Protein backbone atom coordinates (compact mmCIF):
# COMPACT_ATOMS: atom_id res chain seq x y z
CA MET A 1 -44.20 -24.72 18.73
CA ASN A 2 -41.95 -24.37 21.75
CA LYS A 3 -38.99 -25.35 19.62
CA ILE A 4 -39.94 -22.52 16.86
CA GLN A 5 -40.04 -19.91 19.78
CA THR A 6 -36.61 -21.23 21.17
CA PHE A 7 -35.24 -20.72 17.87
CA GLU A 8 -36.56 -17.50 17.03
CA GLU A 9 -35.26 -16.29 20.46
CA PHE A 10 -31.84 -17.67 19.67
CA LEU A 11 -31.84 -15.50 16.53
CA THR A 12 -32.93 -12.28 18.38
CA ASN A 13 -31.03 -13.22 21.79
CA GLN A 14 -28.25 -10.22 22.28
CA SER A 15 -25.09 -11.34 24.15
CA ALA A 16 -23.30 -8.93 26.51
CA GLN A 17 -23.07 -5.43 25.41
CA MET A 18 -19.82 -3.23 25.32
CA SER A 19 -19.66 -0.74 27.49
CA ILE A 20 -19.39 2.92 25.95
CA TRP A 21 -16.25 3.43 27.59
CA THR A 22 -14.97 -0.01 26.25
CA PHE A 23 -16.17 0.91 22.76
CA ALA A 24 -14.41 4.60 23.27
CA ILE A 25 -11.13 2.78 24.21
CA ASN A 26 -11.30 0.22 21.70
CA LEU A 27 -12.01 3.17 19.09
CA ILE A 28 -8.80 5.21 20.15
CA ILE A 29 -6.61 2.07 19.79
CA THR A 30 -8.08 1.26 16.49
CA ILE A 31 -7.26 4.92 15.17
CA ILE A 32 -3.81 4.76 16.97
CA LEU A 33 -2.87 1.54 15.19
CA SER A 34 -4.09 2.29 11.83
CA PHE A 35 -2.37 5.51 12.02
CA ILE A 36 0.79 3.85 12.95
CA LEU A 37 0.19 1.57 10.16
CA SER A 38 -0.37 4.29 7.65
CA ARG A 39 3.03 5.74 8.46
CA ILE A 40 4.81 2.67 8.19
CA TYR A 41 3.28 2.24 4.79
CA ILE A 42 4.51 5.60 3.82
CA LYS A 43 7.83 5.35 4.99
CA TYR A 44 8.52 1.35 3.89
CA GLY A 45 6.23 0.81 1.45
CA THR A 46 8.03 -0.18 -1.95
CA THR A 47 5.00 0.45 -4.57
CA ILE A 48 5.86 3.52 -6.95
CA SER A 49 1.99 4.85 -6.58
CA ASN A 50 1.18 7.72 -4.55
CA ARG A 51 1.64 6.01 -0.99
CA LYS A 52 0.49 9.08 1.16
CA GLN A 53 -3.09 9.41 -0.71
CA PHE A 54 -3.53 5.48 -0.29
CA ALA A 55 -2.46 5.47 3.25
CA GLY A 56 -5.11 8.08 4.11
CA ASN A 57 -8.02 5.50 3.81
CA PHE A 58 -6.55 3.29 6.52
CA ILE A 59 -7.95 4.96 9.61
CA LEU A 60 -11.31 5.08 8.21
CA LEU A 61 -11.28 1.64 6.84
CA ALA A 62 -9.99 0.35 10.66
CA VAL A 63 -12.76 2.35 11.97
CA THR A 64 -15.38 1.26 10.07
CA THR A 65 -14.58 -2.40 10.16
CA MET A 66 -14.73 -1.98 13.91
CA LEU A 67 -17.91 -0.42 14.06
CA VAL A 68 -19.45 -2.89 11.95
CA ILE A 69 -18.18 -6.02 14.07
CA SER A 70 -19.04 -4.19 17.37
CA ILE A 71 -22.80 -4.11 16.13
CA VAL A 72 -23.10 -7.32 14.67
CA LYS A 73 -21.29 -9.81 16.69
CA SER A 74 -23.95 -9.39 19.53
CA SER A 75 -26.61 -10.87 16.97
CA LEU A 76 -26.62 -13.98 14.91
CA ALA A 77 -29.58 -12.35 12.82
CA LEU A 78 -27.35 -9.16 12.27
CA SER A 79 -24.47 -11.14 11.29
CA LEU A 80 -26.25 -13.20 8.63
CA GLY A 81 -27.82 -10.10 7.27
CA LEU A 82 -24.48 -8.80 7.01
CA VAL A 83 -23.29 -11.68 4.96
CA GLY A 84 -26.30 -11.25 2.75
CA ALA A 85 -25.68 -7.74 1.93
CA LEU A 86 -22.08 -8.45 1.22
CA SER A 87 -23.12 -10.88 -1.19
CA ILE A 88 -24.78 -8.61 -3.49
CA VAL A 89 -22.41 -5.56 -3.45
CA ARG A 90 -19.60 -5.77 -5.40
CA PHE A 91 -16.76 -3.89 -4.42
CA ARG A 92 -14.18 -2.68 -6.76
CA SER A 93 -10.67 -0.99 -6.25
CA ALA A 94 -7.79 -0.02 -8.31
CA ILE A 95 -5.24 -2.38 -6.22
CA LYS A 96 -2.45 -2.77 -8.77
CA GLU A 97 0.06 -4.38 -6.45
CA PRO A 98 -0.20 -7.23 -3.90
CA GLU A 99 1.66 -4.98 -1.20
CA GLU A 100 -1.43 -2.74 -1.12
CA LEU A 101 -3.87 -5.54 -0.75
CA THR A 102 -1.72 -6.77 2.17
CA TYR A 103 -1.93 -3.18 4.04
CA LEU A 104 -5.88 -3.23 3.45
CA PHE A 105 -5.78 -6.65 5.05
CA LEU A 106 -3.88 -5.34 8.01
CA CYS A 107 -6.39 -2.67 8.61
CA LEU A 108 -9.32 -5.05 8.46
CA ALA A 109 -7.45 -7.09 11.18
CA ILE A 110 -7.25 -4.31 13.23
CA GLY A 111 -11.07 -3.39 13.03
CA LEU A 112 -12.00 -7.00 13.20
CA GLY A 113 -9.87 -7.35 16.29
CA MET A 114 -10.88 -4.24 18.19
CA GLY A 115 -14.50 -4.78 17.36
CA ALA A 116 -14.62 -8.19 18.92
CA ASN A 117 -12.74 -6.59 21.67
CA GLN A 118 -9.74 -8.77 21.68
CA MET A 119 -7.69 -5.73 22.82
CA ILE A 120 -4.39 -7.38 23.73
CA ILE A 121 -4.14 -9.62 21.18
CA THR A 122 -4.67 -7.24 18.29
CA ILE A 123 -2.05 -4.69 20.08
CA VAL A 124 0.43 -7.42 20.48
CA ALA A 125 -0.06 -9.07 16.93
CA MET A 126 0.28 -5.69 15.04
CA PHE A 127 3.40 -4.73 16.87
CA PHE A 128 4.64 -8.20 15.98
CA VAL A 129 3.73 -7.05 12.49
CA PHE A 130 4.98 -3.78 12.63
CA PHE A 131 8.75 -5.31 13.90
CA ILE A 132 8.27 -7.94 11.05
CA ILE A 133 8.06 -4.78 8.27
CA TRP A 134 11.00 -3.20 9.81
CA ILE A 135 13.12 -5.91 9.80
CA ARG A 136 11.98 -6.89 6.17
CA HIS A 137 13.10 -3.23 5.19
CA LEU A 138 16.27 -3.43 6.85
CA LEU A 139 17.12 -6.71 4.84
CA HIS A 140 15.64 -5.41 1.80
CA LYS A 141 17.76 -2.34 1.94
CA ILE A 142 21.04 -4.25 2.33
CA GLU A 143 19.93 -6.85 -0.62
CA TYR A 144 18.14 -4.90 -2.68
CA ASN A 145 19.67 -5.16 -6.29
CA GLN A 146 17.68 -4.85 -9.45
CA ASP A 147 18.40 -4.34 -12.88
CA LEU A 148 15.77 -2.25 -14.96
CA ILE A 149 15.65 -1.11 -18.37
CA VAL A 150 15.41 2.50 -18.70
CA THR A 151 13.99 4.42 -21.67
CA ILE A 152 14.47 8.17 -21.77
CA VAL A 153 12.69 10.12 -24.55
CA SER A 154 13.23 13.74 -25.19
CA GLU A 155 12.07 16.12 -28.17
CA LYS A 156 14.06 18.94 -26.86
CA ARG A 157 17.34 18.06 -28.55
CA ASP A 158 19.08 21.49 -27.71
CA ARG A 159 18.69 20.88 -23.91
CA VAL A 160 18.96 17.19 -23.64
CA ASP A 161 21.81 15.00 -25.13
CA LEU A 162 23.44 11.95 -24.33
CA GLU A 163 26.21 12.96 -22.22
CA LYS A 164 23.78 14.67 -19.73
CA ILE A 165 21.70 11.81 -19.46
CA ILE A 166 24.63 9.62 -18.59
CA GLU A 167 25.74 11.97 -16.19
CA ILE A 168 22.67 12.19 -14.32
CA LEU A 169 22.35 8.41 -14.43
CA LYS A 170 25.96 7.76 -13.27
CA LYS A 171 25.06 10.01 -10.21
CA ASN A 172 22.19 8.07 -9.23
CA ALA A 173 22.82 4.57 -10.09
CA ARG A 174 25.32 1.85 -9.31
CA GLU A 175 25.94 0.70 -12.92
CA ILE A 176 24.51 1.53 -16.28
CA ASN A 177 24.81 0.06 -19.84
CA LEU A 178 23.63 1.67 -22.71
CA ARG A 179 21.83 -0.66 -24.91
CA ARG A 180 20.25 1.49 -27.56
CA PHE A 181 20.67 5.27 -28.76
CA ASP A 182 18.69 7.19 -31.50
CA ASP A 183 19.20 10.82 -32.43
CA ASN A 184 17.42 12.45 -35.41
CA LYS A 185 16.10 16.30 -35.58
CA ASN A 186 12.71 15.54 -34.01
CA LEU A 187 13.88 13.57 -30.87
CA ILE A 188 16.39 11.94 -28.92
CA GLU A 189 15.78 8.27 -27.56
CA ALA A 190 18.07 6.31 -25.33
CA THR A 191 17.53 2.99 -23.66
CA PHE A 192 19.94 1.66 -20.54
CA ILE A 193 20.32 -1.28 -18.12
CA VAL A 194 20.58 0.25 -15.09
CA GLU A 195 21.23 -0.99 -11.49
CA PHE A 196 19.77 1.06 -8.73
CA ASP A 197 20.65 0.71 -4.96
CA GLN A 198 17.43 2.08 -3.72
CA TYR A 199 13.93 3.41 -4.92
CA LYS A 200 14.73 6.87 -4.08
CA ASN A 201 17.59 6.88 -6.62
CA MET A 202 15.05 6.41 -9.40
CA GLU A 203 12.95 9.10 -7.89
CA GLU A 204 15.98 11.70 -7.80
CA MET A 205 16.90 10.75 -11.33
CA LYS A 206 13.69 11.57 -12.77
CA LYS A 207 13.72 14.85 -10.90
CA GLU A 208 17.05 15.71 -12.39
CA LEU A 209 16.13 14.89 -15.96
CA LYS A 210 12.85 16.81 -15.34
CA LYS A 211 14.92 19.86 -15.03
CA LEU A 212 16.34 19.35 -18.19
CA ASP A 213 13.04 18.94 -19.87
CA GLU A 214 9.83 18.81 -18.10
CA ASP A 215 7.86 16.76 -21.04
CA ILE A 216 10.76 13.93 -20.81
CA LYS A 217 9.31 10.72 -21.09
CA ILE A 218 10.80 8.02 -18.97
CA SER A 219 10.10 4.34 -18.54
CA PHE A 220 11.20 1.43 -16.19
CA ILE A 221 10.70 -2.08 -17.21
CA ASP A 222 12.17 -5.04 -15.65
CA ASN A 223 11.95 -8.72 -16.24
CA LYS A 224 8.46 -8.99 -15.07
CA GLY A 225 6.94 -6.27 -16.89
CA ILE A 226 6.50 -2.55 -16.63
CA ILE A 227 6.72 -1.23 -12.81
C-alpha cells in the first residue's frame, strides 16, 4: 500500500515552479529569438514559396512550444498525458522543401530551451545557428552556379517575340542557350538552358517578362525536377 501511495505521490509531485518574472523574461527572449529567426529566413532563405507568409508563424510556434513545456516539465503525469494526446493527433502541413522543416525545428528548439528554463544555452546556441546561416549564405552567394531549363510560353505573339525574350534573359542571366523554339499563329514557346548567379535574378527576369505579357507562362526545371 505504501509503495502504491509513494508511486502516486511521485506522479503528482510538482517540482519547483518557475516564477512569473522568470517566465516573463523567458517569454520575451523567446519572442525576440523567433523574430530574429523569421527575419533571417525571409532574407537568407532559398525557398521559392512565400517566405514572409511562412515566417509569420515562427513566433506563435515558438511561444506555444515554450508554454507547453513550461506547464508539463514540472509533472511526469502531465508529460505522459501530452505524449498520449500527441499520439492521437495527426498534424498535417504542406512542407514542400527541407529548408522549411529545418526552420520549424529551430522554432521548436527555441520554445523547448526557454520552456525548460535553459536561457543561456538556448541564446548561445541560437546565435551560433544564426552565424552558421550567415556564413552559409556568403558561401552560397560566392559559389552559386546552377543551370536551369527555362520554358516560356505566350499567346500574345504581337507583344512577345524571341528577340525580346533573349534580351531580357541576357540582362539577368550569366549565360543562356536556346534549345527549342516553336512559333505558330496561336502561341510562341521557347526553351532555354539558363545559368543564374542568384535567385533574385530569376525574380527580376520573371517581372520583366510579365510586363510583356501578364499571362505569360514560365517554368523552371533543374536536374532534380521542377523547382
